[in-house]
Protein backbone atom coordinates (compact mmCIF):
# COMPACT_ATOMS: atom_id res chain seq x y z
CA UNK A 1 -0.29 0.10 -0.20
CA UNK A 2 1.01 3.71 -0.56
CA UNK A 3 0.53 6.55 -0.15
CA UNK A 4 -0.98 9.62 -2.83
CA UNK A 5 -1.22 12.81 -3.11
CA UNK A 6 -3.66 14.43 -6.03
CA UNK A 7 -3.59 17.73 -7.33
CA UNK A 8 -7.10 19.88 -8.80
CA UNK A 9 -7.06 17.91 -11.73
CA UNK A 10 -6.21 14.24 -10.40
CA UNK A 11 -2.85 13.87 -11.29
CA UNK A 12 -0.78 12.52 -8.99
CA UNK A 13 1.23 14.47 -7.34
CA UNK A 14 3.46 12.89 -4.00
CA UNK A 15 3.19 9.15 -3.13
CA UNK A 16 4.87 7.73 -0.17
CA UNK A 17 5.03 4.13 1.18
CA UNK A 18 3.92 6.24 5.02
CA UNK A 19 0.79 8.69 5.46
CA UNK A 20 1.66 11.76 5.44
CA UNK A 21 0.07 15.68 5.53
CA UNK A 22 -2.10 16.11 2.59
CA UNK A 23 -2.17 13.06 1.12
CA UNK A 24 -5.61 12.46 -0.71
CA UNK A 25 -5.88 8.76 -0.83
CA UNK A 26 -4.49 5.53 -0.18
CA UNK A 27 -3.80 2.72 -3.25
CA UNK A 28 -2.05 0.08 -4.07
CA UNK A 29 1.90 -0.08 -4.42
CA UNK A 30 1.29 -2.06 -7.72
CA UNK A 31 -1.14 -0.05 -9.02
CA UNK A 32 -0.90 0.56 -13.09
CA UNK A 33 -0.34 4.37 -12.19
CA UNK A 34 1.54 4.48 -9.07
CA UNK A 35 3.92 2.50 -10.59
CA UNK A 36 3.63 5.31 -13.98
CA UNK A 37 4.20 7.74 -11.71
CA UNK A 38 7.89 5.96 -9.82
CA UNK A 39 8.60 5.51 -13.76
CA UNK A 40 8.32 9.13 -14.78
CA UNK A 41 10.04 9.97 -11.78
CA UNK A 42 13.36 8.02 -12.09
CA UNK A 43 13.68 9.20 -15.59
CA UNK A 44 13.15 12.89 -14.53
CA UNK A 45 15.71 11.47 -11.72
CA UNK A 46 17.92 10.21 -14.45
CA UNK A 47 17.60 13.32 -16.78
CA UNK A 48 18.70 15.55 -14.15
CA UNK A 49 21.53 13.50 -13.35
CA UNK A 50 22.80 13.48 -16.99
CA UNK A 51 22.26 17.52 -16.78
CA UNK A 52 24.55 17.59 -14.36
CA UNK A 53 27.14 15.24 -15.23
CA UNK A 54 27.13 17.35 -18.69
CA UNK A 55 28.18 20.24 -16.69
CA UNK A 56 30.58 19.16 -15.11
CA UNK A 57 31.88 17.82 -18.42
CA UNK A 58 32.16 21.41 -19.92
CA UNK A 59 34.54 22.06 -17.55
CA UNK A 60 36.80 18.79 -17.84
CA UNK A 61 36.72 19.58 -21.72
CA UNK A 62 37.98 22.87 -21.27
CA UNK A 63 40.91 21.83 -19.34
CA UNK A 64 41.23 19.01 -21.33
CA UNK A 65 41.87 21.40 -24.40
CA UNK A 66 44.12 24.00 -21.83
CA UNK A 67 46.07 20.73 -20.97
CA UNK A 68 46.79 19.45 -24.97
CA UNK A 69 46.98 23.21 -26.06
CA UNK A 70 50.19 24.13 -23.41
CA UNK A 71 51.87 20.29 -24.12
CA UNK A 72 51.93 21.49 -27.58
CA UNK A 73 49.80 18.30 -28.68
CA UNK A 74 47.53 21.26 -30.70
CA UNK A 75 47.04 23.81 -31.54
CA UNK A 76 44.50 26.65 -30.49
CA UNK A 77 43.44 27.32 -34.05
CA UNK A 78 42.46 23.57 -34.53
CA UNK A 79 39.63 23.96 -32.79
CA UNK A 80 36.51 25.06 -34.94
CA UNK A 81 35.57 28.24 -35.30
CA UNK A 82 32.80 27.97 -33.30
CA UNK A 83 34.09 26.33 -30.62
CA UNK A 84 37.13 28.89 -29.95
CA UNK A 85 34.67 31.62 -29.05
CA UNK A 86 32.59 29.73 -27.22
CA UNK A 87 35.51 28.55 -25.11
CA UNK A 88 37.59 32.15 -25.28
CA UNK A 89 33.91 33.29 -24.07
CA UNK A 90 33.98 30.83 -20.92
CA UNK A 91 37.09 31.81 -20.13
CA UNK A 92 36.34 35.00 -19.85
CA UNK A 93 33.14 34.67 -17.91
CA UNK A 94 34.87 32.93 -15.41
CA UNK A 95 37.59 35.27 -15.20
CA UNK A 96 35.31 38.29 -14.40
CA UNK A 97 33.59 35.65 -11.37
CA UNK A 98 36.15 35.18 -10.06
CA UNK A 99 37.33 39.14 -10.24
CA UNK A 100 34.27 39.51 -8.26
CA UNK A 101 35.85 37.18 -6.07
CA UNK A 102 34.20 37.47 -2.07
CA UNK A 103 30.88 39.26 -3.86
CA UNK A 104 29.81 36.03 -5.65
CA UNK A 105 27.46 34.08 -2.26
CA UNK A 106 29.22 30.85 -1.61
CA UNK A 107 26.79 28.53 -3.18
CA UNK A 108 26.68 30.27 -7.12
CA UNK A 109 30.72 30.04 -6.53
CA UNK A 110 32.14 27.51 -9.63
CA UNK A 111 34.12 24.31 -8.83
CA UNK A 112 37.39 24.50 -9.23
């Protein structure tokens, strides 16, 4: 048995294994609607994880390009112009943020 909260249109908003405030009904855990809700949450969680790792990977790629260029393995100009512009824009933006120093709350600082 699971406990469900629905919105005014009857859509499932929340599913828990224990009763909670604002729950609107209880349902069998194997109910197709409950299984669909859990599947969509799982998909959402996976997509959010991919989005987060994409953001982290961007920084890895920037660092990789910098290392390859600094070691002479490749030239910066070997990259297509749009890629160079994007990398330069990010480097400029990062530099501006670093210049703000303590004005930027810790929650918003970029990981290095």
